[in-house]
């Protein structure tokens, strides 16, 4: 699969697989950008269109990794479940 900066969820999943022990909170945006560009299948320009792309990928990586570590698969149902719990006053 060819990855581009707009493939936020797919890039986050690839980062989870490629860097399972990464300390996501300690990474700079430059670190994340370098990790994304080095992923197998990444075929976009080495510079994202805007810095916000790297931030969005990092936040998605954190969210999906937390869901996986909590026993979920990080799929759409887990995201809806998390949102529902928060919006209902839980979580």
Foldseek 3Di string as FASTA:
>chain_A
DADELVPLLVLLVQCCVVPVPDPLVPDDLVRQLVVSCPGPRHDYDSDHPDSVSSVSSSVLNVVQSVCVVVPHRSDPVSVVVVVVQVVVPHD
